[in-house]
Amino acid sequence: MTALVVLDMAGTTVLDDGLVERAFLRALPDATPAMVEHVRDTMGQSKIVVFREMLRDETVAQRANTAFEEAYAALVAEGCCAPLPGAHEVITGLRAKGVKVAFSTGFSRATQHLILTALGWTDLADFTTTPAEAGRGRPYPDMVLAAVLGLGLADVRDVAVVGDTPSDVLAGLRSGARVVAGVLTGAGSRAALADAGATHVLDSIRDLPAVLEGL
C-alpha cells in the first residue's frame, strides 16, 4: 500500500513553461551561456545551492538568490503560474483514498507559499517542505524523509516520489521510496529520467494513479 506521495511542484504539478529560467535571467541579466546551461542542468535542486556553485561568493550568491525569488514572485503575480492538467484531480483523488500527499520544492518557503496561494492550493496537501527546512535539497533525500517523519509514517517503502528531473529521481531513490516516478512535463527527458534510475517514467502525473493501483 502507498501511504504517502511526495510531489515536486514546478514541472510536475505546476506548469513551469520556462519560469525558472526567465526568473534567473531577470535576476542575472548579464549571465553567460554557461551559467544558463548550469541552471538548466540543475533544475529541481535548491536554488541557493545553485547560485553558490556558480558565483563562488556567499554574499553575491545570497543577493542573486533574493533577486531570483523576487523575479519569480513577480512572474507569479503577472499570472504566469498554472497547475498542470490533471494535477489537482490526482491529488484530491489520492487523498480521498487515504493516501497522504506532500509538496517538495527547490524554492524557498516564501516562494512555495506564493505559488500555492496563487493556485488556491494552500490546503491541498497534507505536508509541505523546502530545502531550508528539511536540511538539504535534492538530490539529497532530506525533503522526502522530512515528509515521512512529519506525517508519522513507519516505513519509507510505503512512499512514492514523483518529479520531473534526475535530481528528483535521485532524491527518491536515496530515501528508499518504493516508487520513484519521473514525469515528462518538465525539465527531464525520458532518457535522463530512466538513466537516473526512475522506477517509472510517465507522460504526466495523470498516469500516477494507475501505477499505484497496479502495485
Protein backbone atom coordinates (compact mmCIF):
# COMPACT_ATOMS: atom_id res chain seq x y z
CA MET A 1 0.00 0.00 0.00
CA THR A 2 1.19 3.52 -0.80
CA ALA A 3 0.77 5.66 2.29
CA LEU A 4 2.43 8.86 1.05
CA VAL A 5 3.13 10.51 -2.29
CA VAL A 6 5.79 13.23 -2.30
CA LEU A 7 5.29 15.53 -5.28
CA ASP A 8 7.61 18.08 -6.81
CA MET A 9 5.98 21.34 -7.83
CA ALA A 10 7.38 23.19 -10.89
CA GLY A 11 7.29 20.87 -13.88
CA THR A 12 5.44 18.09 -12.05
CA THR A 13 2.25 19.54 -10.59
CA VAL A 14 2.72 23.19 -11.57
CA LEU A 15 3.25 24.33 -15.15
CA ASP A 16 6.79 25.69 -15.43
CA ASP A 17 6.80 27.00 -19.01
CA GLY A 18 10.34 28.34 -18.58
CA LEU A 19 9.57 30.41 -15.47
CA VAL A 20 12.69 29.33 -13.60
CA GLU A 21 14.95 30.32 -16.47
CA ARG A 22 13.06 33.58 -17.02
CA ALA A 23 13.37 34.48 -13.34
CA PHE A 24 17.07 33.62 -13.42
CA LEU A 25 17.66 35.91 -16.41
CA ARG A 26 15.76 38.72 -14.69
CA ALA A 27 17.92 38.25 -11.59
CA LEU A 28 21.20 37.99 -13.54
CA PRO A 29 20.69 39.79 -16.87
CA ASP A 30 24.43 39.52 -17.63
CA ALA A 31 24.51 35.73 -17.18
CA THR A 32 26.78 33.85 -19.57
CA PRO A 33 25.52 30.97 -21.73
CA ALA A 34 27.44 28.59 -19.46
CA MET A 35 25.56 29.91 -16.41
CA VAL A 36 22.20 29.47 -18.16
CA GLU A 37 23.17 25.92 -19.08
CA HIS A 38 24.10 25.23 -15.46
CA VAL A 39 20.67 26.41 -14.34
CA ARG A 40 19.06 24.03 -16.83
CA ASP A 41 21.27 21.15 -15.71
CA THR A 42 20.44 21.70 -12.03
CA MET A 43 16.67 22.02 -12.34
CA GLY A 44 14.99 20.68 -9.22
CA GLN A 45 17.87 21.49 -6.91
CA SER A 46 17.93 24.11 -4.16
CA LYS A 47 18.27 27.48 -5.82
CA ILE A 48 20.66 28.99 -3.26
CA VAL A 49 22.96 25.99 -3.72
CA VAL A 50 22.93 26.53 -7.49
CA PHE A 51 23.86 30.20 -7.05
CA ARG A 52 26.66 29.28 -4.64
CA GLU A 53 28.10 26.85 -7.18
CA MET A 54 28.01 29.43 -9.95
CA LEU A 55 29.10 32.56 -8.15
CA ARG A 56 31.55 31.21 -5.55
CA ASP A 57 30.86 34.07 -3.15
CA GLU A 58 28.28 33.78 -0.37
CA THR A 59 27.28 37.43 -0.33
CA VAL A 60 26.89 37.58 -4.10
CA ALA A 61 25.04 34.25 -4.14
CA GLN A 62 22.59 35.40 -1.46
CA ARG A 63 21.97 38.62 -3.35
CA ALA A 64 21.37 36.73 -6.59
CA ASN A 65 19.06 34.26 -4.86
CA THR A 66 16.99 37.10 -3.40
CA ALA A 67 16.75 38.71 -6.82
CA PHE A 68 15.70 35.37 -8.31
CA GLU A 69 12.98 34.87 -5.69
CA GLU A 70 11.69 38.39 -6.31
CA ALA A 71 11.70 37.86 -10.07
CA TYR A 72 9.84 34.56 -9.74
CA ALA A 73 7.30 36.20 -7.42
CA ALA A 74 6.76 38.96 -9.97
CA LEU A 75 6.12 36.39 -12.71
CA VAL A 76 3.59 34.62 -10.50
CA ALA A 77 1.91 37.97 -9.77
CA GLU A 78 1.74 38.59 -13.51
CA GLY A 79 -0.33 35.43 -13.85
CA CYS A 80 2.45 33.16 -15.12
CA CYS A 81 1.50 30.29 -12.80
CA ALA A 82 -0.93 27.49 -13.53
CA PRO A 83 -1.49 23.89 -12.47
CA LEU A 84 -0.55 21.10 -14.83
CA PRO A 85 -3.64 19.44 -16.31
CA GLY A 86 -4.98 16.74 -14.02
CA ALA A 87 -2.74 17.58 -11.05
CA HIS A 88 -5.50 18.83 -8.76
CA GLU A 89 -7.74 15.89 -9.60
CA VAL A 90 -4.97 13.35 -8.98
CA ILE A 91 -4.08 14.88 -5.62
CA THR A 92 -7.65 15.10 -4.38
CA GLY A 93 -8.28 11.56 -5.64
CA LEU A 94 -5.28 10.21 -3.72
CA ARG A 95 -6.31 11.92 -0.52
CA ALA A 96 -9.88 10.67 -0.89
CA LYS A 97 -8.43 7.15 -0.82
CA GLY A 98 -6.48 7.85 2.37
CA VAL A 99 -3.09 8.49 0.74
CA LYS A 100 -1.13 11.38 2.25
CA VAL A 101 0.32 13.95 -0.17
CA ALA A 102 3.34 16.20 0.37
CA PHE A 103 4.75 19.00 -1.80
CA SER A 104 8.52 19.46 -2.06
CA THR A 105 10.36 22.18 -3.95
CA GLY A 106 13.75 23.69 -4.64
CA PHE A 107 12.33 27.14 -3.86
CA SER A 108 12.24 28.97 -0.54
CA ARG A 109 9.26 28.68 1.80
CA ALA A 110 8.10 32.17 0.77
CA THR A 111 8.07 31.30 -2.93
CA GLN A 112 6.45 27.93 -2.33
CA HIS A 113 3.68 29.64 -0.34
CA LEU A 114 3.29 32.26 -3.06
CA ILE A 115 2.77 29.57 -5.71
CA LEU A 116 0.32 27.59 -3.58
CA THR A 117 -1.63 30.74 -2.78
CA ALA A 118 -1.79 31.76 -6.44
CA LEU A 119 -3.19 28.32 -7.33
CA GLY A 120 -5.56 28.15 -4.37
CA TRP A 121 -3.66 25.09 -3.16
CA THR A 122 -2.68 26.12 0.37
CA ASP A 123 -4.81 23.32 1.85
CA LEU A 124 -4.38 20.80 -0.96
CA ALA A 125 -1.53 18.75 0.55
CA ASP A 126 -1.03 17.18 3.97
CA PHE A 127 2.55 18.43 4.24
CA THR A 128 4.89 20.89 2.51
CA THR A 129 8.66 21.14 2.76
CA THR A 130 11.63 23.09 1.41
CA PRO A 131 15.40 22.55 1.40
CA ALA A 132 15.98 25.07 4.19
CA GLU A 133 13.51 23.33 6.48
CA ALA A 134 14.46 19.75 5.64
CA GLY A 135 18.21 20.29 5.84
CA ARG A 136 19.32 19.85 2.23
CA GLY A 137 17.65 19.99 -1.15
CA ARG A 138 17.69 17.46 -3.95
CA PRO A 139 19.43 15.24 -4.93
CA TYR A 140 19.66 14.53 -1.19
CA PRO A 141 16.71 12.63 0.32
CA ASP A 142 16.06 15.08 3.15
CA MET A 143 12.76 16.51 1.92
CA VAL A 144 11.25 13.07 1.34
CA LEU A 145 12.38 11.94 4.77
CA ALA A 146 11.08 15.16 6.35
CA ALA A 147 7.64 14.32 4.98
CA VAL A 148 7.91 10.74 6.27
CA LEU A 149 8.82 11.98 9.74
CA GLY A 150 6.41 14.88 9.73
CA LEU A 151 3.47 12.66 8.84
CA GLY A 152 4.48 9.86 11.20
CA LEU A 153 4.94 7.10 8.63
CA ALA A 154 6.51 3.85 9.77
CA ASP A 155 8.18 2.70 6.55
CA VAL A 156 9.75 4.61 3.64
CA ARG A 157 8.86 1.68 1.39
CA ASP A 158 5.26 2.90 1.58
CA VAL A 159 6.27 6.12 -0.20
CA ALA A 160 6.07 7.20 -3.84
CA VAL A 161 8.16 10.13 -5.07
CA VAL A 162 7.30 11.98 -8.28
CA GLY A 163 9.32 14.66 -10.07
CA ASP A 164 10.44 15.90 -13.47
CA THR A 165 14.24 15.97 -13.06
CA PRO A 166 17.05 13.47 -12.44
CA SER A 167 17.60 15.24 -9.10
CA ASP A 168 14.04 14.35 -8.07
CA VAL A 169 14.69 10.75 -9.03
CA LEU A 170 17.96 10.54 -7.12
CA ALA A 171 16.37 12.03 -4.01
CA GLY A 172 13.58 9.47 -4.17
CA LEU A 173 15.94 6.54 -4.64
CA ARG A 174 18.18 7.68 -1.81
CA SER A 175 15.20 7.97 0.52
CA GLY A 176 14.29 4.30 -0.01
CA ALA A 177 10.89 5.02 -1.59
CA ARG A 178 9.38 2.05 -3.42
CA VAL A 179 8.07 4.09 -6.36
CA VAL A 180 10.23 6.82 -7.86
CA ALA A 181 8.48 8.17 -10.93
CA GLY A 182 9.74 10.71 -13.43
CA VAL A 183 7.25 12.77 -15.42
CA LEU A 184 7.79 14.28 -18.86
CA THR A 185 6.00 17.58 -18.21
CA GLY A 186 9.09 19.45 -17.02
CA ALA A 187 12.84 19.63 -17.48
CA GLY A 188 13.79 15.95 -17.71
CA SER A 189 13.79 13.79 -20.81
CA ARG A 190 12.70 10.16 -20.85
CA ALA A 191 16.32 9.04 -21.27
CA ALA A 192 17.63 11.27 -18.47
CA LEU A 193 14.96 10.13 -16.02
CA ALA A 194 15.47 6.47 -16.90
CA ASP A 195 19.25 6.82 -16.64
CA ALA A 196 18.83 8.35 -13.18
CA GLY A 197 17.04 5.16 -12.11
CA ALA A 198 13.35 6.05 -12.16
CA THR A 199 11.14 3.04 -11.47
CA HIS A 200 8.58 4.54 -13.85
CA VAL A 201 8.67 7.28 -16.49
CA LEU A 202 5.22 8.79 -17.01
CA ASP A 203 3.84 11.18 -19.58
CA SER A 204 2.32 13.21 -16.74
CA ILE A 205 1.05 12.99 -13.18
CA ARG A 206 -2.27 11.84 -14.64
CA ASP A 207 -0.67 8.40 -15.10
CA LEU A 208 0.33 8.07 -11.44
CA PRO A 209 -2.91 6.57 -10.03
CA ALA A 210 -2.73 3.64 -12.46
CA VAL A 211 0.86 2.92 -11.35
CA LEU A 212 -0.08 2.95 -7.67
CA GLU A 213 -3.15 0.81 -8.24
CA GLY A 214 -1.01 -1.77 -10.03
CA LEU A 215 1.35 -2.30 -7.12
